[in-house]
Amino acid sequence: MPNDLPVPPPVPQTMPAPVALQPNQGYPAPMVYGEPPSGGGPDWRRVWASVVRFKWLVLGVVVLGTLAGYALSRFLIKPGYLARARYPGLMRKRLRA
C-alpha cells in the first residue's frame, strides 16, 4: 500500500553564524598570570596559587603520608640489620673504674 499522503515542503533551516569565543564564557584565559617564563620551567606563581587554593587537601595528604610512613617504619617493617658501634675511650674508662 503506497503512502498517498502529501509531502510538506521542506522548511529552510538557518545556519547559526560562527561565534568567536568571548571573554567569560567559562574558558580560562590563556595568560592569566602575565607573560610566560622564558626558561620553559614551571610557573611557580601558578604552583603557589594551587597550593594556597587547596591548602587543606595538601596539608591532609602531608600529615597522612607522614603518619603512614612513621607507622610502617616503626611497627610493620623490621630492620634488616643491626648496627653497633663502640667508642674506644669509653671502654677504657669503664675498665679502670
Protein backbone atom coordinates (compact mmCIF):
# COMPACT_ATOMS: atom_id res chain seq x y z
CA MET A 1 0.00 0.00 0.00
CA PRO A 2 1.73 3.14 -1.13
CA ASN A 3 1.86 6.23 1.00
CA ASP A 4 -0.58 8.70 -0.60
CA LEU A 5 -0.12 11.47 1.97
CA PRO A 6 1.16 14.72 0.58
CA VAL A 7 4.72 15.59 1.43
CA PRO A 8 5.05 19.02 3.08
CA PRO A 9 7.56 21.37 1.55
CA PRO A 10 10.94 21.41 3.32
CA VAL A 11 11.37 24.10 5.95
CA PRO A 12 14.53 26.09 5.38
CA GLN A 13 16.78 25.98 8.42
CA THR A 14 19.08 28.85 9.05
CA MET A 15 22.65 28.01 9.90
CA PRO A 16 23.94 29.70 13.05
CA ALA A 17 26.63 32.25 12.43
CA PRO A 18 30.08 31.22 13.59
CA VAL A 19 30.69 32.61 17.06
CA ALA A 20 34.13 33.51 18.29
CA LEU A 21 34.91 32.78 21.91
CA GLN A 22 34.14 35.77 24.04
CA PRO A 23 35.64 36.52 27.45
CA ASN A 24 33.88 34.99 30.46
CA GLN A 25 32.39 32.04 28.57
CA GLY A 26 33.81 29.56 31.06
CA TYR A 27 37.10 29.06 29.26
CA PRO A 28 40.29 30.05 31.09
CA ALA A 29 42.24 32.91 29.65
CA PRO A 30 45.46 31.69 28.07
CA MET A 31 47.69 34.03 30.06
CA VAL A 32 46.15 34.66 33.47
CA TYR A 33 49.42 35.33 35.27
CA GLY A 34 51.21 37.62 32.83
CA GLU A 35 54.00 36.69 30.45
CA PRO A 36 55.18 33.09 30.31
CA PRO A 37 58.54 32.33 31.90
CA SER A 38 61.30 32.29 29.31
CA GLY A 39 63.04 29.21 30.74
CA GLY A 40 60.23 26.82 29.92
CA GLY A 41 60.06 25.53 33.52
CA PRO A 42 57.06 25.55 35.82
CA ASP A 43 55.34 28.83 36.59
CA TRP A 44 55.88 28.97 40.34
CA ARG A 45 53.17 31.58 40.79
CA ARG A 46 50.61 29.11 39.43
CA VAL A 47 52.01 26.31 41.59
CA TRP A 48 51.83 28.50 44.70
CA ALA A 49 48.29 29.61 43.79
CA SER A 50 47.25 25.94 43.54
CA VAL A 51 48.84 25.09 46.89
CA VAL A 52 47.11 28.03 48.57
CA ARG A 53 43.80 27.16 46.92
CA PHE A 54 43.92 23.53 48.06
CA LYS A 55 45.82 24.13 51.31
CA TRP A 56 43.68 21.79 53.43
CA LEU A 57 43.98 18.97 50.93
CA VAL A 58 47.75 19.46 50.69
CA LEU A 59 48.08 19.60 54.49
CA GLY A 60 45.94 16.48 54.92
CA VAL A 61 47.97 14.49 52.38
CA VAL A 62 51.24 15.56 54.01
CA VAL A 63 50.05 14.66 57.52
CA LEU A 64 48.56 11.31 56.45
CA GLY A 65 51.69 10.44 54.47
CA THR A 66 53.92 11.31 57.40
CA LEU A 67 51.86 9.25 59.84
CA ALA A 68 51.68 6.30 57.45
CA GLY A 69 55.44 6.39 56.90
CA TYR A 70 56.11 6.54 60.63
CA ALA A 71 53.69 3.71 61.39
CA LEU A 72 55.12 1.49 58.66
CA SER A 73 58.71 2.08 59.70
CA ARG A 74 58.01 1.77 63.41
CA PHE A 75 55.59 -1.14 63.67
CA LEU A 76 55.36 -3.16 60.47
CA ILE A 77 58.79 -3.21 58.86
CA LYS A 78 61.50 -4.96 60.82
CA PRO A 79 65.07 -3.76 60.32
CA GLY A 80 67.22 -5.92 58.07
CA TYR A 81 70.37 -5.36 60.11
CA LEU A 82 71.52 -4.12 63.47
CA ALA A 83 74.48 -1.78 63.69
CA ARG A 84 76.59 -1.44 66.80
CA ALA A 85 79.45 0.91 67.46
CA ARG A 86 81.94 1.11 70.27
CA TYR A 87 83.85 4.11 71.37
CA PRO A 88 87.32 3.01 72.45
CA GLY A 89 87.79 5.77 75.02
CA LEU A 90 84.58 4.81 76.78
CA MET A 91 85.69 1.19 77.15
CA ARG A 92 88.98 2.22 78.77
CA LYS A 93 87.19 4.35 81.33
CA ARG A 94 84.86 1.52 82.23
CA LEU A 95 87.72 -0.92 82.67
CA ARG A 96 89.60 1.41 85.06
CA ALA A 97 86.60 2.02 87.29
